[in-house]
N, C-alpha and C. Protein backbone atom coordinates (compact mmCIF):
# COMPACT_ATOMS: atom_id res chain seq x y z
N MET A 1 190.45 119.88 -9.64
CA MET A 1 191.53 120.15 -9.44
C MET A 1 192.44 119.98 -10.65
N PRO A 2 193.49 120.73 -11.11
CA PRO A 2 194.23 120.61 -12.34
C PRO A 2 195.21 119.72 -11.82
N ASP A 3 195.66 118.87 -12.98
CA ASP A 3 197.15 118.07 -12.66
C ASP A 3 198.48 118.85 -13.10
N ASN A 4 199.16 118.90 -12.16
CA ASN A 4 200.52 119.48 -12.54
C ASN A 4 201.94 118.49 -13.05
N GLY A 5 200.77 117.40 -13.55
CA GLY A 5 201.96 116.50 -13.95
C GLY A 5 202.91 117.05 -15.26
N VAL A 6 202.38 117.60 -15.94
CA VAL A 6 202.71 118.64 -17.52
C VAL A 6 204.11 119.14 -17.06
N ALA A 7 203.64 119.92 -16.08
CA ALA A 7 204.82 120.89 -15.48
C ALA A 7 206.00 120.17 -14.97
N GLU A 8 205.78 119.16 -14.37
CA GLU A 8 206.62 118.84 -13.52
C GLU A 8 207.17 117.71 -14.26
N ARG A 9 206.86 117.09 -15.76
CA ARG A 9 207.62 116.58 -16.49
C ARG A 9 208.51 117.44 -17.06
N PHE A 10 208.17 118.62 -17.18
CA PHE A 10 208.74 119.58 -17.97
C PHE A 10 210.45 120.17 -17.26
N PHE A 11 210.10 120.53 -16.11
CA PHE A 11 211.05 120.58 -15.20
C PHE A 11 212.12 119.51 -15.21
N ARG A 12 211.42 118.35 -14.86
CA ARG A 12 212.42 117.21 -15.01
C ARG A 12 213.02 117.21 -16.21
N THR A 13 212.53 117.43 -17.26
CA THR A 13 213.43 117.17 -18.58
C THR A 13 214.57 118.47 -18.67
N PHE A 14 213.97 119.59 -18.42
CA PHE A 14 215.26 120.83 -17.93
C PHE A 14 216.14 120.39 -17.08
N LYS A 15 216.25 119.77 -16.13
CA LYS A 15 216.93 119.48 -14.81
C LYS A 15 218.03 118.44 -15.97
N GLU A 16 217.15 117.39 -16.51
CA GLU A 16 218.27 116.31 -16.85
C GLU A 16 219.44 116.95 -18.12
N LYS A 17 218.72 117.91 -18.77
CA LYS A 17 219.18 118.61 -19.89
C LYS A 17 220.19 119.75 -19.84
N VAL A 18 219.90 120.42 -18.86
CA VAL A 18 220.70 121.64 -18.40
C VAL A 18 221.35 121.59 -16.75
N VAL A 19 220.94 120.78 -16.08
CA VAL A 19 221.54 121.05 -14.73
C VAL A 19 222.28 119.89 -14.36
N TYR A 20 221.92 118.74 -14.23
CA TYR A 20 222.45 117.59 -13.93
C TYR A 20 223.76 116.91 -14.25
N GLY A 21 224.96 117.24 -13.92
CA GLY A 21 226.15 116.61 -14.52
C GLY A 21 226.70 117.48 -15.11
N ARG A 22 226.35 118.76 -15.15
CA ARG A 22 226.84 120.07 -15.78
C ARG A 22 227.90 121.04 -14.94
N ILE A 23 228.90 121.51 -15.11
CA ILE A 23 229.28 122.46 -14.65
C ILE A 23 230.16 123.34 -15.36
N TYR A 24 229.54 124.59 -14.87
CA TYR A 24 229.30 125.91 -15.78
C TYR A 24 230.73 126.79 -15.44
N GLN A 25 230.96 127.45 -16.00
CA GLN A 25 232.17 128.38 -15.72
C GLN A 25 231.63 129.53 -15.00
N THR A 26 230.88 130.46 -15.73
CA THR A 26 230.43 131.62 -15.63
C THR A 26 228.97 131.51 -15.85
N ILE A 27 228.20 132.68 -15.14
CA ILE A 27 226.69 133.12 -15.11
C ILE A 27 226.53 132.93 -16.40
N ASP A 28 227.24 133.39 -17.53
CA ASP A 28 227.04 133.62 -18.84
C ASP A 28 226.40 132.25 -19.61
N ASP A 29 227.34 131.48 -19.05
CA ASP A 29 227.43 129.91 -19.68
C ASP A 29 226.12 129.13 -19.31
N VAL A 30 225.92 129.55 -17.99
CA VAL A 30 224.38 129.14 -17.48
C VAL A 30 223.25 129.55 -18.49
N GLY A 31 223.22 131.11 -18.50
CA GLY A 31 222.17 131.36 -19.41
C GLY A 31 222.26 131.10 -20.94
N ALA A 32 223.72 130.64 -21.45
CA ALA A 32 223.49 130.50 -22.46
C ALA A 32 222.99 128.99 -22.80
N ALA A 33 223.19 128.29 -21.59
CA ALA A 33 222.61 127.01 -21.79
C ALA A 33 220.97 126.88 -21.51
N VAL A 34 220.57 127.39 -20.79
CA VAL A 34 219.14 128.07 -20.29
C VAL A 34 218.08 128.40 -21.90
N ARG A 35 219.04 129.42 -22.42
CA ARG A 35 218.53 129.46 -23.37
C ARG A 35 218.59 128.73 -24.83
N ALA A 36 219.49 127.86 -24.93
CA ALA A 36 219.52 126.88 -26.12
C ALA A 36 218.47 126.09 -25.79
N PHE A 37 218.30 125.57 -24.70
CA PHE A 37 217.38 124.94 -24.04
C PHE A 37 216.09 125.24 -24.40
N PHE A 38 215.82 126.22 -24.33
CA PHE A 38 214.46 126.87 -24.68
C PHE A 38 214.39 126.98 -25.52
N GLU A 39 215.00 127.32 -26.61
CA GLU A 39 215.22 127.68 -28.22
C GLU A 39 214.55 126.22 -28.75
N ARG A 40 215.31 125.44 -28.48
CA ARG A 40 215.37 123.57 -29.00
C ARG A 40 213.94 123.20 -28.30
N TYR A 41 213.79 123.34 -27.23
CA TYR A 41 212.08 122.89 -26.49
C TYR A 41 210.79 123.80 -27.44
N ASN A 42 211.03 125.01 -27.82
CA ASN A 42 209.76 125.95 -28.37
C ASN A 42 209.88 125.13 -29.78
N HIS A 43 211.04 124.96 -30.49
CA HIS A 43 211.01 124.92 -31.80
C HIS A 43 210.85 124.02 -32.38
N GLN A 44 211.75 122.66 -31.38
CA GLN A 44 212.12 121.46 -32.27
C GLN A 44 211.38 120.39 -31.49
N TRP A 45 211.22 120.50 -30.14
CA TRP A 45 210.38 119.08 -29.33
C TRP A 45 208.96 118.69 -29.64
N LEU A 46 208.89 117.94 -30.39
CA LEU A 46 207.64 117.00 -30.61
C LEU A 46 206.98 116.40 -29.27
N VAL A 47 205.70 117.41 -28.62
CA VAL A 47 205.00 116.68 -27.53
C VAL A 47 203.81 115.79 -28.26
N GLU A 48 204.07 114.53 -27.58
CA GLU A 48 202.62 113.62 -28.01
C GLU A 48 201.69 114.25 -27.35
N LYS A 49 201.50 115.29 -26.35
CA LYS A 49 200.26 115.70 -26.20
C LYS A 49 199.76 116.80 -26.89
N ASN A 50 200.45 117.57 -27.78
CA ASN A 50 200.06 118.26 -28.74
C ASN A 50 200.26 117.84 -29.93
N GLY A 51 200.06 116.73 -30.34
CA GLY A 51 199.95 115.98 -31.44
C GLY A 51 201.09 116.01 -32.19
N LEU A 52 202.00 115.61 -31.07
CA LEU A 52 203.36 115.53 -31.93
C LEU A 52 203.99 116.90 -32.73
N ARG A 53 203.25 117.71 -32.02
CA ARG A 53 203.84 119.24 -32.84
C ARG A 53 204.94 120.01 -31.61
N SER A 54 205.61 120.96 -31.78
CA SER A 54 206.48 121.78 -30.97
C SER A 54 205.21 122.43 -30.53
N PRO A 55 205.71 122.98 -29.09
CA PRO A 55 205.10 124.07 -28.45
C PRO A 55 204.86 125.31 -29.45
N ARG A 56 205.65 125.89 -29.88
CA ARG A 56 205.58 126.67 -31.14
C ARG A 56 204.29 126.60 -31.71
N GLN A 57 204.58 125.33 -32.38
CA GLN A 57 203.48 125.31 -33.59
C GLN A 57 202.08 124.95 -32.81
N THR A 58 202.14 124.81 -31.60
CA THR A 58 200.82 124.67 -31.16
C THR A 58 200.18 125.72 -30.86
N ARG A 59 201.36 126.71 -30.43
CA ARG A 59 200.51 128.01 -30.07
C ARG A 59 200.21 128.96 -31.32
N LEU A 60 200.70 128.57 -32.43
CA LEU A 60 200.66 129.23 -33.60
C LEU A 60 199.11 128.82 -33.76
N ALA A 61 198.66 127.73 -33.39
CA ALA A 61 197.91 126.78 -34.22
C ALA A 61 196.46 127.49 -33.53
N ARG A 62 197.13 127.76 -32.20
CA ARG A 62 195.67 128.30 -31.34
C ARG A 62 195.64 129.74 -31.56
N GLU A 63 196.56 130.32 -31.65
CA GLU A 63 196.26 131.75 -32.25
C GLU A 63 195.62 131.87 -33.47
N GLN A 64 195.87 130.87 -34.36
CA GLN A 64 195.11 130.84 -35.59
C GLN A 64 193.80 130.63 -35.70
N ALA A 65 193.36 129.60 -34.75
CA ALA A 65 191.91 129.20 -34.15
C ALA A 65 191.32 130.35 -33.66
N SER A 66 192.12 130.56 -32.43
CA SER A 66 191.35 132.08 -31.80
C SER A 66 191.17 133.08 -33.12
N MET A 67 191.92 133.65 -33.69
CA MET A 67 191.49 134.65 -34.80
C MET A 67 190.36 134.35 -35.84
N LYS A 68 190.32 133.21 -36.10
CA LYS A 68 189.50 132.70 -37.36
C LYS A 68 187.75 132.51 -36.36
N GLN A 69 187.99 132.62 -34.79
CA GLN A 69 186.77 132.65 -34.51
C GLN A 69 186.05 133.84 -34.13
N ALA A 70 187.07 134.82 -33.85
CA ALA A 70 186.89 136.53 -33.59
C ALA A 70 186.60 137.00 -34.96
N ALA A 71 186.89 136.73 -36.20
CA ALA A 71 186.27 137.05 -37.27
C ALA A 71 185.09 136.55 -37.63
């Protein structure tokens, strides 16, 4: 059975950075905060499990490896 600890940690971080302790005036403000979080997370967050690479860097490396295998 797979462990869902990674997903739980992600949502904990998301709530800490976007939800807890913040009051948004409009739904557009909420949307902007969520988009900003995901932009930072995917492009700048260095994840130890990924060899200190961002999720985007990890995804690109996997795609490149997959393309090499297919060739």
